């Protein structure tokens, strides 16, 4: 995917109406995880915060059959994956 398109999608996501963002939350978190390496650091964390702000904090619904898989594929799991992947990048940048 072209860098310009990735940048534009990130901008559109940040402008998404907050009251409707929950409808695309899972897809937005997946997309950010898939394209994090192509997004400027400041914009990445701005979008990361925006998704985190809208992610549900507690889902007391039915227990999943595979809690680990469900957790990793949730918006919070995808955001955590971005953090873990960026740890190596941050350490490399400071060397």
PDB file of N, CA and C in Angstrom:
ATOM      1  N   UNK A   1       0.858  -1.174   0.000  1.00  0.00           N
ATOM      2  CA  UNK A   1       0.000   0.000   0.000  1.00  0.00           C
ATOM      3  C   UNK A   1       0.902   1.235   0.000  1.00  0.00           C
ATOM      4  N   UNK A   2       0.577   2.197  -0.807  1.00  0.00           N
ATOM      5  CA  UNK A   2       1.384   3.409  -0.938  1.00  0.00           C
ATOM      6  C   UNK A   2       1.348   4.234   0.348  1.00  0.00           C
ATOM      7  N   UNK A   3       2.476   4.815   0.663  1.00  0.00           N
ATOM      8  CA  UNK A   3       2.608   5.624   1.882  1.00  0.00           C
ATOM      9  C   UNK A   3       1.578   6.750   1.922  1.00  0.00           C
ATOM     10  N   UNK A   4       1.337   7.405   0.802  1.00  0.00           N
ATOM     11  CA  UNK A   4       0.357   8.498   0.773  1.00  0.00           C
ATOM     12  C   UNK A   4      -1.032   8.004   1.139  1.00  0.00           C
ATOM     13  N   UNK A   5      -1.397   6.829   0.647  1.00  0.00           N
ATOM     14  CA  UNK A   5      -2.709   6.267   0.959  1.00  0.00           C
ATOM     15  C   UNK A   5      -2.810   5.914   2.438  1.00  0.00           C
ATOM     16  N   UNK A   6      -1.754   5.333   2.988  1.00  0.00           N
ATOM     17  CA  UNK A   6      -1.731   4.998   4.416  1.00  0.00           C
ATOM     18  C   UNK A   6      -1.884   6.267   5.250  1.00  0.00           C
ATOM     19  N   UNK A   7      -1.150   7.309   4.884  1.00  0.00           N
ATOM     20  CA  UNK A   7      -1.248   8.587   5.601  1.00  0.00           C
ATOM     21  C   UNK A   7      -2.672   9.142   5.526  1.00  0.00           C
ATOM     22  N   UNK A   8      -3.275   9.089   4.341  1.00  0.00           N
ATOM     23  CA  UNK A   8      -4.639   9.606   4.168  1.00  0.00           C
ATOM     24  C   UNK A   8      -5.653   8.817   4.992  1.00  0.00           C
ATOM     25  N   UNK A   9      -5.516   7.502   5.006  1.00  0.00           N
ATOM     26  CA  UNK A   9      -6.438   6.681   5.800  1.00  0.00           C
ATOM     27  C   UNK A   9      -6.295   7.013   7.277  1.00  0.00           C
ATOM     28  N   UNK A  10      -5.064   7.179   7.748  1.00  0.00           N
ATOM     29  CA  UNK A  10      -4.846   7.552   9.153  1.00  0.00           C
ATOM     30  C   UNK A  10      -5.540   8.875   9.469  1.00  0.00           C
ATOM     31  N   UNK A  11      -5.435   9.831   8.565  1.00  0.00           N
ATOM     32  CA  UNK A  11      -6.092  11.132   8.764  1.00  0.00           C
ATOM     33  C   UNK A  11      -7.613  10.986   8.822  1.00  0.00           C
ATOM     34  N   UNK A  12      -8.161  10.175   7.916  1.00  0.00           N
ATOM     35  CA  UNK A  12      -9.617   9.964   7.910  1.00  0.00           C
ATOM     36  C   UNK A  12     -10.078   9.299   9.204  1.00  0.00           C
ATOM     37  N   UNK A  13      -9.303   8.338   9.685  1.00  0.00           N
ATOM     38  CA  UNK A  13      -9.674   7.672  10.935  1.00  0.00           C
ATOM     39  C   UNK A  13      -9.684   8.652  12.102  1.00  0.00           C
ATOM     40  N   UNK A  14      -8.709   9.550  12.137  1.00  0.00           N
ATOM     41  CA  UNK A  14      -8.656  10.536  13.220  1.00  0.00           C
ATOM     42  C   UNK A  14      -9.809  11.535  13.157  1.00  0.00           C
ATOM     43  N   UNK A  15     -10.384  11.721  11.983  1.00  0.00           N
ATOM     44  CA  UNK A  15     -11.509  12.652  11.822  1.00  0.00           C
ATOM     45  C   UNK A  15     -12.862  11.962  11.949  1.00  0.00           C
ATOM     46  N   UNK A  16     -12.856  10.649  12.167  1.00  0.00           N
ATOM     47  CA  UNK A  16     -14.102   9.893  12.259  1.00  0.00           C
ATOM     48  C   UNK A  16     -14.918  10.400  13.445  1.00  0.00           C
ATOM     49  N   UNK A  17     -16.221  10.559  13.285  1.00  0.00           N
ATOM     50  CA  UNK A  17     -17.046  11.025  14.406  1.00  0.00           C
ATOM     51  C   UNK A  17     -16.939  10.055  15.589  1.00  0.00           C
ATOM     52  N   UNK A  18     -16.547  10.546  16.754  1.00  0.00           N
ATOM     53  CA  UNK A  18     -16.343   9.665  17.908  1.00  0.00           C
ATOM     54  C   UNK A  18     -17.552   8.795  18.248  1.00  0.00           C
ATOM     55  N   UNK A  19     -18.750   9.339  18.085  1.00  0.00           N
ATOM     56  CA  UNK A  19     -19.948   8.569  18.440  1.00  0.00           C
ATOM     57  C   UNK A  19     -20.190   7.398  17.481  1.00  0.00           C
ATOM     58  N   UNK A  20     -19.538   7.396  16.331  1.00  0.00           N
ATOM     59  CA  UNK A  20     -19.691   6.300  15.365  1.00  0.00           C
ATOM     60  C   UNK A  20     -18.442   5.417  15.282  1.00  0.00           C
ATOM     61  N   UNK A  21     -17.401   5.789  16.000  1.00  0.00           N
ATOM     62  CA  UNK A  21     -16.129   5.079  15.866  1.00  0.00           C
ATOM     63  C   UNK A  21     -16.212   3.633  16.343  1.00  0.00           C
ATOM     64  N   UNK A  22     -17.086   3.356  17.318  1.00  0.00           N
ATOM     65  CA  UNK A  22     -17.198   1.986  17.826  1.00  0.00           C
ATOM     66  C   UNK A  22     -17.599   1.015  16.715  1.00  0.00           C
ATOM     67  N   UNK A  23     -18.267   1.510  15.680  1.00  0.00           N
ATOM     68  CA  UNK A  23     -18.692   0.658  14.569  1.00  0.00           C
ATOM     69  C   UNK A  23     -17.508   0.151  13.740  1.00  0.00           C
ATOM     70  N   UNK A  24     -16.416   0.874  13.743  1.00  0.00           N
ATOM     71  CA  UNK A  24     -15.246   0.466  12.947  1.00  0.00           C
ATOM     72  C   UNK A  24     -14.024   0.180  13.820  1.00  0.00           C
ATOM     73  N   UNK A  25     -14.209   0.157  15.115  1.00  0.00           N
ATOM     74  CA  UNK A  25     -13.100   0.022  16.061  1.00  0.00           C
ATOM     75  C   UNK A  25     -12.220  -1.191  15.771  1.00  0.00           C
ATOM     76  N   UNK A  26     -12.820  -2.363  15.614  1.00  0.00           N
ATOM     77  CA  UNK A  26     -12.030  -3.569  15.352  1.00  0.00           C
ATOM     78  C   UNK A  26     -11.230  -3.439  14.062  1.00  0.00           C
ATOM     79  N   UNK A  27     -11.876  -2.943  13.023  1.00  0.00           N
ATOM     80  CA  UNK A  27     -11.192  -2.786  11.733  1.00  0.00           C
ATOM     81  C   UNK A  27     -10.092  -1.739  11.808  1.00  0.00           C
ATOM     82  N   UNK A  28     -10.341  -0.653  12.527  1.00  0.00           N
ATOM     83  CA  UNK A  28      -9.332   0.404  12.661  1.00  0.00           C
ATOM     84  C   UNK A  28      -8.102  -0.110  13.410  1.00  0.00           C
ATOM     85  N   UNK A  29      -8.326  -0.876  14.478  1.00  0.00           N
ATOM     86  CA  UNK A  29      -7.203  -1.428  15.239  1.00  0.00           C
ATOM     87  C   UNK A  29      -6.415  -2.420  14.386  1.00  0.00           C
ATOM     88  N   UNK A  30      -7.125  -3.257  13.628  1.00  0.00           N
ATOM     89  CA  UNK A  30      -6.445  -4.205  12.741  1.00  0.00           C
ATOM     90  C   UNK A  30      -5.617  -3.443  11.699  1.00  0.00           C
ATOM     91  N   UNK A  31      -6.237  -2.444  11.076  1.00  0.00           N
ATOM     92  CA  UNK A  31      -5.551  -1.679  10.036  1.00  0.00           C
ATOM     93  C   UNK A  31      -4.298  -1.001  10.597  1.00  0.00           C
ATOM     94  N   UNK A  32      -4.419  -0.388  11.766  1.00  0.00           N
ATOM     95  CA  UNK A  32      -3.267   0.288  12.360  1.00  0.00           C
ATOM     96  C   UNK A  32      -2.144  -0.702  12.637  1.00  0.00           C
ATOM     97  N   UNK A  33      -2.484  -1.861  13.153  1.00  0.00           N
ATOM     98  CA  UNK A  33      -1.474  -2.879  13.421  1.00  0.00           C
ATOM     99  C   UNK A  33      -0.772  -3.312  12.134  1.00  0.00           C
ATOM    100  N   UNK A  34      -1.518  -3.471  11.072  1.00  0.00           N
ATOM    101  CA  UNK A  34      -0.952  -3.911   9.794  1.00  0.00           C
ATOM    102  C   UNK A  34      -0.072  -2.847   9.135  1.00  0.00           C
ATOM    103  N   UNK A  35      -0.340  -1.578   9.401  1.00  0.00           N
ATOM    104  CA  UNK A  35       0.362  -0.500   8.691  1.00  0.00           C
ATOM    105  C   UNK A  35       1.202   0.398   9.606  1.00  0.00           C
ATOM    106  N   UNK A  36       1.390  -0.004  10.847  1.00  0.00           N
ATOM    107  CA  UNK A  36       2.108   0.826  11.822  1.00  0.00           C
ATOM    108  C   UNK A  36       3.497   1.223  11.344  1.00  0.00           C
ATOM    109  N   UNK A  37       4.178   0.328  10.659  1.00  0.00           N
ATOM    110  CA  UNK A  37       5.546   0.620  10.209  1.00  0.00           C
ATOM    111  C   UNK A  37       5.591   1.710   9.144  1.00  0.00           C
ATOM    112  N   UNK A  38       4.463   1.971   8.500  1.00  0.00           N
ATOM    113  CA  UNK A  38       4.428   2.954   7.412  1.00  0.00           C
ATOM    114  C   UNK A  38       3.947   4.330   7.877  1.00  0.00           C
ATOM    115  N   UNK A  39       3.592   4.444   9.150  1.00  0.00           N
ATOM    116  CA  UNK A  39       2.999   5.686   9.651  1.00  0.00           C
ATOM    117  C   UNK A  39       4.033   6.447  10.471  1.00  0.00           C
ATOM    118  N   UNK A  40       4.123   7.735  10.238  1.00  0.00           N
ATOM    119  CA  UNK A  40       5.015   8.606  11.004  1.00  0.00           C
ATOM    120  C   UNK A  40       4.725   8.420  12.498  1.00  0.00           C
ATOM    121  N   UNK A  41       5.763   8.394  13.299  1.00  0.00           N
ATOM    122  CA  UNK A  41       5.648   8.078  14.721  1.00  0.00           C
ATOM    123  C   UNK A  41       4.607   8.929  15.455  1.00  0.00           C
ATOM    124  N   UNK A  42       4.636  10.246  15.274  1.00  0.00           N
ATOM    125  CA  UNK A  42       3.668  11.105  15.976  1.00  0.00           C
ATOM    126  C   UNK A  42       2.239  10.768  15.592  1.00  0.00           C
ATOM    127  N   UNK A  43       2.005  10.542  14.307  1.00  0.00           N
ATOM    128  CA  UNK A  43       0.665  10.213  13.822  1.00  0.00           C
ATOM    129  C   UNK A  43       0.248   8.828  14.317  1.00  0.00           C
ATOM    130  N   UNK A  44       1.194   7.889  14.352  1.00  0.00           N
ATOM    131  CA  UNK A  44       0.911   6.540  14.848  1.00  0.00           C
ATOM    132  C   UNK A  44       0.374   6.599  16.269  1.00  0.00           C
ATOM    133  N   UNK A  45       1.074   7.333  17.147  1.00  0.00           N
ATOM    134  CA  UNK A  45       0.656   7.368  18.547  1.00  0.00           C
ATOM    135  C   UNK A  45      -0.622   8.179  18.735  1.00  0.00           C
ATOM    136  N   UNK A  46      -0.833   9.169  17.896  1.00  0.00           N
ATOM    137  CA  UNK A  46      -2.090   9.915  17.956  1.00  0.00           C
ATOM    138  C   UNK A  46      -3.264   8.994  17.612  1.00  0.00           C
ATOM    139  N   UNK A  47      -3.117   8.195  16.582  1.00  0.00           N
ATOM    140  CA  UNK A  47      -4.166   7.261  16.187  1.00  0.00           C
ATOM    141  C   UNK A  47      -4.289   6.133  17.206  1.00  0.00           C
ATOM    142  N   UNK A  48      -3.167   5.664  17.740  1.00  0.00           N
ATOM    143  CA  UNK A  48      -3.173   4.635  18.782  1.00  0.00           C
ATOM    144  C   UNK A  48      -4.002   5.125  19.971  1.00  0.00           C
ATOM    145  N   UNK A  49      -3.744   6.364  20.409  1.00  0.00           N
ATOM    146  CA  UNK A  49      -4.498   6.938  21.530  1.00  0.00           C
ATOM    147  C   UNK A  49      -5.981   7.071  21.202  1.00  0.00           C
ATOM    148  N   UNK A  50      -6.294   7.471  19.982  1.00  0.00           N
ATOM    149  CA  UNK A  50      -7.683   7.642  19.562  1.00  0.00           C
ATOM    150  C   UNK A  50      -8.426   6.306  19.615  1.00  0.00           C
ATOM    151  N   UNK A  51      -7.793   5.251  19.119  1.00  0.00           N
ATOM    152  CA  UNK A  51      -8.412   3.924  19.161  1.00  0.00           C
ATOM    153  C   UNK A  51      -8.545   3.462  20.603  1.00  0.00           C
ATOM    154  N   UNK A  52      -7.491   3.634  21.390  1.00  0.00           N
ATOM    155  CA  UNK A  52      -7.531   3.231  22.797  1.00  0.00           C
ATOM    156  C   UNK A  52      -8.645   3.947  23.553  1.00  0.00           C
ATOM    157  N   UNK A  53      -8.819   5.214  23.273  1.00  0.00           N
ATOM    158  CA  UNK A  53      -9.852   6.011  23.943  1.00  0.00           C
ATOM    159  C   UNK A  53     -11.252   5.449  23.689  1.00  0.00           C
ATOM    160  N   UNK A  54     -11.460   4.855  22.529  1.00  0.00           N
ATOM    161  CA  UNK A  54     -12.784   4.361  22.162  1.00  0.00           C
ATOM    162  C   UNK A  54     -12.959   2.857  22.368  1.00  0.00           C
ATOM    163  N   UNK A  55     -11.891   2.172  22.750  1.00  0.00           N
ATOM    164  CA  UNK A  55     -11.973   0.721  22.953  1.00  0.00           C
ATOM    165  C   UNK A  55     -12.737   0.419  24.237  1.00  0.00           C
ATOM    166  N   UNK A  56     -13.583  -0.605  24.204  1.00  0.00           N
ATOM    167  CA  UNK A  56     -14.315  -0.966  25.422  1.00  0.00           C
ATOM    168  C   UNK A  56     -13.349  -1.432  26.503  1.00  0.00           C
ATOM    169  N   UNK A  57     -13.641  -1.096  27.723  1.00  0.00           N
ATOM    170  CA  UNK A  57     -12.774  -1.444  28.850  1.00  0.00           C
ATOM    171  C   UNK A  57     -13.155  -2.764  29.505  1.00  0.00           C
ATOM    172  N   UNK A  58     -14.425  -3.126  29.428  1.00  0.00           N
ATOM    173  CA  UNK A  58     -14.865  -4.319  30.130  1.00  0.00           C
ATOM    174  C   UNK A  58     -16.023  -4.936  29.362  1.00  0.00           C
ATOM    175  N   UNK A  59     -15.844  -6.155  28.954  1.00  0.00           N
ATOM    176  CA  UNK A  59     -16.903  -6.854  28.244  1.00  0.00           C
ATOM    177  C   UNK A  59     -17.320  -8.041  29.097  1.00  0.00           C
ATOM    178  N   UNK A  60     -18.412  -7.883  29.791  1.00  0.00           N
ATOM    179  CA  UNK A  60     -18.866  -8.941  30.689  1.00  0.00           C
ATOM    180  C   UNK A  60     -19.870  -9.869  30.009  1.00  0.00           C
ATOM    181  N   UNK A  61     -19.774  -9.941  28.717  1.00  0.00           N
ATOM    182  CA  UNK A  61     -20.661 -10.821  27.968  1.00  0.00           C
ATOM    183  C   UNK A  61     -20.275 -12.276  28.152  1.00  0.00           C
ATOM    184  N   UNK A  62     -20.710 -13.066  27.257  1.00  0.00           N
ATOM    185  CA  UNK A  62     -20.457 -14.494  27.268  1.00  0.00           C
ATOM    186  C   UNK A  62     -18.954 -14.776  27.220  1.00  0.00           C
ATOM    187  N   UNK A  63     -18.509 -15.765  27.983  1.00  0.00           N
ATOM    188  CA  UNK A  63     -17.096 -16.133  27.997  1.00  0.00           C
ATOM    189  C   UNK A  63     -16.700 -16.722  26.643  1.00  0.00           C
ATOM    190  N   UNK A  64     -15.614 -16.253  26.066  1.00  0.00           N
ATOM    191  CA  UNK A  64     -15.178 -16.787  24.769  1.00  0.00           C
ATOM    192  C   UNK A  64     -14.688 -18.226  24.904  1.00  0.00           C
ATOM    193  N   UNK A  65     -14.768 -18.974  23.832  1.00  0.00           N
ATOM    194  CA  UNK A  65     -14.265 -20.346  23.841  1.00  0.00           C
ATOM    195  C   UNK A  65     -12.746 -20.351  23.929  1.00  0.00           C
ATOM    196  N   UNK A  66     -12.119 -19.413  23.304  1.00  0.00           N
ATOM    197  CA  UNK A  66     -10.660 -19.318  23.313  1.00  0.00           C
ATOM    198  C   UNK A  66     -10.295 -17.890  23.716  1.00  0.00           C
ATOM    199  N   UNK A  67     -10.187 -17.670  25.008  1.00  0.00           N
ATOM    200  CA  UNK A  67      -9.982 -16.317  25.536  1.00  0.00           C
ATOM    201  C   UNK A  67      -8.698 -15.680  25.010  1.00  0.00           C
ATOM    202  N   UNK A  68      -7.633 -16.448  24.872  1.00  0.00           N
ATOM    203  CA  UNK A  68      -6.363 -15.886  24.412  1.00  0.00           C
ATOM    204  C   UNK A  68      -6.479 -15.363  22.981  1.00  0.00           C
ATOM    205  N   UNK A  69      -7.051 -16.159  22.096  1.00  0.00           N
ATOM    206  CA  UNK A  69      -7.219 -15.726  20.711  1.00  0.00           C
ATOM    207  C   UNK A  69      -8.120 -14.508  20.635  1.00  0.00           C
ATOM    208  N   UNK A  70      -9.223 -14.540  21.385  1.00  0.00           N
ATOM    209  CA  UNK A  70     -10.133 -13.394  21.379  1.00  0.00           C
ATOM    210  C   UNK A  70      -9.445 -12.140  21.902  1.00  0.00           C
ATOM    211  N   UNK A  71      -8.632 -12.277  22.949  1.00  0.00           N
ATOM    212  CA  UNK A  71      -7.937 -11.116  23.512  1.00  0.00           C
ATOM    213  C   UNK A  71      -6.920 -10.549  22.525  1.00  0.00           C
ATOM    214  N   UNK A  72      -6.171 -11.413  21.876  1.00  0.00           N
ATOM    215  CA  UNK A  72      -5.159 -10.943  20.925  1.00  0.00           C
ATOM    216  C   UNK A  72      -5.779 -10.283  19.705  1.00  0.00           C
ATOM    217  N   UNK A  73      -6.972 -10.709  19.333  1.00  0.00           N
ATOM    218  CA  UNK A  73      -7.637 -10.151  18.159  1.00  0.00           C
ATOM    219  C   UNK A  73      -8.568  -8.996  18.496  1.00  0.00           C
ATOM    220  N   UNK A  74      -8.638  -8.630  19.748  1.00  0.00           N
ATOM    221  CA  UNK A  74      -9.452  -7.485  20.155  1.00  0.00           C
ATOM    222  C   UNK A  74      -8.682  -6.200  19.846  1.00  0.00           C
ATOM    223  N   UNK A  75      -9.360  -5.053  19.841  1.00  0.00           N
ATOM    224  CA  UNK A  75      -8.628  -3.794  19.640  1.00  0.00           C
ATOM    225  C   UNK A  75      -7.477  -3.622  20.640  1.00  0.00           C
ATOM    226  N   UNK A  76      -7.716  -3.965  21.900  1.00  0.00           N
ATOM    227  CA  UNK A  76      -6.658  -3.821  22.908  1.00  0.00           C
ATOM    228  C   UNK A  76      -5.481  -4.742  22.598  1.00  0.00           C
ATOM    229  N   UNK A  77      -5.761  -5.947  22.143  1.00  0.00           N
ATOM    230  CA  UNK A  77      -4.696  -6.880  21.777  1.00  0.00           C
ATOM    231  C   UNK A  77      -3.875  -6.371  20.603  1.00  0.00           C
ATOM    232  N   UNK A  78      -4.547  -5.791  19.633  1.00  0.00           N
ATOM    233  CA  UNK A  78      -3.836  -5.236  18.469  1.00  0.00           C
ATOM    234  C   UNK A  78      -2.985  -4.031  18.884  1.00  0.00           C
ATOM    235  N   UNK A  79      -3.515  -3.195  19.781  1.00  0.00           N
ATOM    236  CA  UNK A  79      -2.737  -2.045  20.260  1.00  0.00           C
ATOM    237  C   UNK A  79      -1.511  -2.518  21.038  1.00  0.00           C
ATOM    238  N   UNK A  80      -1.688  -3.567  21.841  1.00  0.00           N
ATOM    239  CA  UNK A  80      -0.550  -4.122  22.582  1.00  0.00           C
ATOM    240  C   UNK A  80       0.504  -4.667  21.621  1.00  0.00           C
ATOM    241  N   UNK A  81       0.064  -5.287  20.538  1.00  0.00           N
ATOM    242  CA  UNK A  81       1.002  -5.808  19.538  1.00  0.00           C
ATOM    243  C   UNK A  81       1.824  -4.683  18.910  1.00  0.00           C
ATOM    244  N   UNK A  82       1.186  -3.545  18.673  1.00  0.00           N
ATOM    245  CA  UNK A  82       1.906  -2.386  18.132  1.00  0.00           C
ATOM    246  C   UNK A  82       2.962  -1.919  19.129  1.00  0.00           C
ATOM    247  N   UNK A  83       2.597  -1.847  20.414  1.00  0.00           N
ATOM    248  CA  UNK A  83       3.565  -1.433  21.437  1.00  0.00           C
ATOM    249  C   UNK A  83       4.772  -2.358  21.454  1.00  0.00           C
ATOM    250  N   UNK A  84       4.518  -3.650  21.454  1.00  0.00           N
ATOM    251  CA  UNK A  84       5.613  -4.622  21.495  1.00  0.00           C
ATOM    252  C   UNK A  84       6.499  -4.486  20.260  1.00  0.00           C
ATOM    253  N   UNK A  85       5.891  -4.321  19.091  1.00  0.00           N
ATOM    254  CA  UNK A  85       6.693  -4.209  17.871  1.00  0.00           C
ATOM    255  C   UNK A  85       7.504  -2.920  17.839  1.00  0.00           C
ATOM    256  N   UNK A  86       7.003  -1.864  18.471  1.00  0.00           N
ATOM    257  CA  UNK A  86       7.707  -0.579  18.457  1.00  0.00           C
ATOM    258  C   UNK A  86       8.823  -0.511  19.499  1.00  0.00           C
ATOM    259  N   UNK A  87       8.840  -1.410  20.461  1.00  0.00           N
ATOM    260  CA  UNK A  87       9.911  -1.409  21.464  1.00  0.00           C
ATOM    261  C   UNK A  87      11.259  -1.576  20.776  1.00  0.00           C
ATOM    262  N   UNK A  88      11.360  -2.514  19.863  1.00  0.00           N
ATOM    263  CA  UNK A  88      12.605  -2.725  19.124  1.00  0.00           C
ATOM    264  C   UNK A  88      12.978  -1.528  18.278  1.00  0.00           C
ATOM    265  N   UNK A  89      11.990  -0.878  17.678  1.00  0.00           N
ATOM    266  CA  UNK A  89      12.246   0.308  16.855  1.00  0.00           C
ATOM    267  C   UNK A  89      12.790   1.429  17.723  1.00  0.00           C
ATOM    268  N   UNK A  90      12.192   1.654  18.881  1.00  0.00           N
ATOM    269  CA  UNK A  90      12.637   2.726  19.777  1.00  0.00           C
ATOM    270  C   UNK A  90      14.051   2.481  20.268  1.00  0.00           C
ATOM    271  N   UNK A  91      14.366   1.231  20.595  1.00  0.00           N
ATOM    272  CA  UNK A  91      15.709   0.915  21.070  1.00  0.00           C
ATOM    273  C   UNK A  91      16.738   1.119  19.966  1.00  0.00           C
ATOM    274  N   UNK A  92      16.391   0.797  18.738  1.00  0.00           N
ATOM    275  CA  UNK A  92      17.294   0.979  17.604  1.00  0.00           C
ATOM    276  C   UNK A  92      17.530   2.458  17.338  1.00  0.00           C
ATOM    277  N   UNK A  93      16.481   3.274  17.460  1.00  0.00           N
ATOM    278  CA  UNK A  93      16.596   4.711  17.199  1.00  0.00           C
ATOM    279  C   UNK A  93      17.484   5.408  18.218  1.00  0.00           C
ATOM    280  N   UNK A  94      17.565   4.886  19.452  1.00  0.00           N
ATOM    281  CA  UNK A  94      18.356   5.539  20.491  1.00  0.00           C
ATOM    282  C   UNK A  94      19.808   5.089  20.497  1.00  0.00           C
ATOM    283  N   UNK A  95      20.134   4.029  19.768  1.00  0.00           N
ATOM    284  CA  UNK A  95      21.527   3.540  19.735  1.00  0.00           C
ATOM    285  C   UNK A  95      22.419   4.423  18.908  1.00  0.00           C
TER     286      UNK A  95
END
